[in-house]
Each structure stands twice: as C-alpha cells, then as structure tokens.
Amino acid sequence: MNLKTKSRLRRARRGRMHMRELGATRLSVYRTPQHIYAQVLTADGGKVLASASTVEKELRASSGGNVAAAVRVGTLIAERAKAAGVGRVAFDRSGFKYHGRVQALADAAREGGLEF
C-alpha cells in the first residue's frame, strides 16, 4: 500500500472513531476515478441502512465519475435514507478531501433532506 492510501485510511480511521464515540448514524462516501459510492450505516457500522452508487443500473447510463453523477447519488441516498427512517447522519468522507465530487454529494444529500 502506498503512502497516499495509508494517509487517507489514517484520516478515515480518526474520523470514524470520533463518530463511533458520538454514536451517530453515518453517511459514508467512497470514490474511485470512475465511480462514487454512498452508504448510510448504523452507529456501530454493523448494518447498511441505505446505499446508492453510480454502478447502479439507473445511474450507470449517465456519466459515472463526475460532479453531476455525485449530485444524483446524493439525492438518491437522501431519498433512500429518509425511506429507511434516518433523518440525521454524520458525514464520513473516508479521508477524502471535502472538495469536488465529495462536496457535491454532501450538498445534494443536504438538499434532499438529510441533516448533518
């Protein structure tokens, strides 16, 4: 594992431990160059309550790895989280910078009704 990946995972672990102490349901985001994934997890991280990604059939047809796709995933995860009865989450950026696609997904989820 290279230094960049190790550093990202270290940042992610630090944030996740803080969220676990708070006992907050978390919205976790993972991005690759081609896709972006989002999951709403229970406070202990043991169960996925809702998920959305650009790999899904309805989102795959459009562009997969850009800001517009991240906005669509953000609105979809907000809808699914609300349907699962979750309204308040902690945003877990998984060590990625809060910039670009990650920020677009977060903003879209907020507009969709999630509070964090």
Protein backbone atom coordinates (compact mmCIF):
# COMPACT_ATOMS: atom_id res chain seq x y z
CA MET A 1 0.00 0.00 0.00
CA ASN A 2 1.44 3.34 -0.96
CA LEU A 3 1.84 6.35 1.33
CA LYS A 4 -1.11 8.25 -0.16
CA THR A 5 -3.51 5.39 0.56
CA LYS A 6 -2.12 4.86 4.06
CA SER A 7 -2.56 8.53 4.85
CA ARG A 8 -6.15 8.53 3.60
CA LEU A 9 -7.01 5.46 5.66
CA ARG A 10 -5.42 7.03 8.75
CA ARG A 11 -7.57 10.14 8.31
CA ALA A 12 -10.64 7.96 7.75
CA ARG A 13 -10.00 5.90 10.89
CA ARG A 14 -9.62 9.00 13.02
CA GLY A 15 -12.94 10.41 11.83
CA ARG A 16 -14.77 7.12 12.17
CA MET A 17 -13.61 6.62 15.75
CA HIS A 18 -14.95 10.05 16.64
CA MET A 19 -18.31 9.23 15.02
CA ARG A 20 -18.43 5.94 16.91
CA GLU A 21 -17.88 7.78 20.20
CA LEU A 22 -20.78 10.08 19.34
CA GLY A 23 -22.97 7.11 18.46
CA ALA A 24 -24.08 8.73 15.21
CA THR A 25 -25.52 7.04 12.14
CA ARG A 26 -23.06 7.84 9.39
CA LEU A 27 -23.19 8.60 5.69
CA SER A 28 -20.02 7.06 4.30
CA VAL A 29 -18.66 8.09 0.89
CA TYR A 30 -16.09 6.28 -1.23
CA ARG A 31 -14.85 7.47 -4.59
CA THR A 32 -12.80 5.99 -7.39
CA PRO A 33 -11.78 7.68 -10.62
CA GLN A 34 -14.82 6.25 -12.40
CA HIS A 35 -17.50 5.86 -9.70
CA ILE A 36 -18.76 7.21 -6.39
CA TYR A 37 -20.48 5.18 -3.68
CA ALA A 38 -22.51 6.22 -0.62
CA GLN A 39 -23.85 4.18 2.30
CA VAL A 40 -25.84 5.02 5.40
CA LEU A 41 -24.56 2.81 8.22
CA THR A 42 -25.73 2.19 11.78
CA ALA A 43 -23.79 3.76 14.65
CA ASP A 44 -21.71 0.63 15.24
CA GLY A 45 -21.13 0.13 11.50
CA GLY A 46 -22.70 -3.31 11.54
CA LYS A 47 -25.63 -2.76 9.21
CA VAL A 48 -26.18 -0.85 5.97
CA LEU A 49 -29.48 1.04 6.10
CA ALA A 50 -29.34 2.57 2.60
CA SER A 51 -26.91 2.69 -0.29
CA ALA A 52 -26.51 4.34 -3.69
CA SER A 53 -23.77 4.43 -6.29
CA THR A 54 -23.05 5.19 -9.91
CA VAL A 55 -22.72 1.46 -10.57
CA GLU A 56 -26.50 1.02 -10.27
CA LYS A 57 -28.42 0.46 -13.45
CA GLU A 58 -30.40 3.72 -13.44
CA LEU A 59 -27.29 5.84 -12.82
CA ARG A 60 -24.85 3.83 -14.91
CA ALA A 61 -26.29 5.07 -18.22
CA SER A 62 -25.20 8.63 -17.48
CA SER A 63 -21.64 9.70 -16.75
CA GLY A 64 -20.18 7.87 -13.79
CA GLY A 65 -17.29 9.77 -12.27
CA ASN A 66 -18.13 13.45 -12.42
CA VAL A 67 -19.78 16.05 -10.18
CA ALA A 68 -23.18 15.69 -11.86
CA ALA A 69 -23.20 11.97 -11.09
CA ALA A 70 -22.22 12.70 -7.48
CA VAL A 71 -25.20 15.05 -7.18
CA ARG A 72 -27.54 12.32 -8.46
CA VAL A 73 -26.10 9.82 -5.97
CA GLY A 74 -26.50 12.38 -3.17
CA THR A 75 -30.18 12.96 -3.89
CA LEU A 76 -30.79 9.21 -4.24
CA ILE A 77 -29.09 8.36 -0.94
CA ALA A 78 -31.12 11.07 0.80
CA GLU A 79 -34.38 9.61 -0.54
CA ARG A 80 -33.42 6.08 0.49
CA ALA A 81 -32.24 7.15 3.94
CA LYS A 82 -35.49 9.03 4.57
CA ALA A 83 -37.42 5.93 3.47
CA ALA A 84 -35.39 3.88 5.98
CA GLY A 85 -36.33 6.33 8.73
CA VAL A 86 -33.00 8.12 9.02
CA GLY A 87 -33.02 11.91 9.08
CA ARG A 88 -29.81 12.83 10.91
CA VAL A 89 -26.37 11.46 9.97
CA ALA A 90 -22.70 12.20 10.46
CA PHE A 91 -20.82 12.71 7.18
CA ASP A 92 -17.93 10.27 6.80
CA ARG A 93 -15.76 11.45 3.92
CA SER A 94 -13.45 8.41 4.30
CA GLY A 95 -10.31 10.52 4.39
CA PHE A 96 -11.01 12.21 1.05
CA LYS A 97 -10.84 16.00 0.79
CA TYR A 98 -14.17 17.77 1.19
CA HIS A 99 -13.91 19.06 -2.35
CA GLY A 100 -15.34 18.36 -5.78
CA ARG A 101 -17.40 15.18 -6.00
CA VAL A 102 -17.44 14.53 -2.26
CA GLN A 103 -18.70 18.05 -1.57
CA ALA A 104 -21.30 17.82 -4.36
CA LEU A 105 -22.67 14.57 -2.93
CA ALA A 106 -22.87 16.09 0.57
CA ASP A 107 -24.64 19.23 -0.67
CA ALA A 108 -27.16 17.17 -2.66
CA ALA A 109 -27.86 14.94 0.35
CA ARG A 110 -28.49 18.04 2.48
CA GLU A 111 -30.89 19.41 -0.12
CA GLY A 112 -32.59 16.01 -0.20
CA GLY A 113 -33.47 16.33 3.49
CA LEU A 114 -30.61 14.74 5.43
CA GLU A 115 -29.23 16.73 8.34
CA PHE A 116 -25.52 16.70 9.20
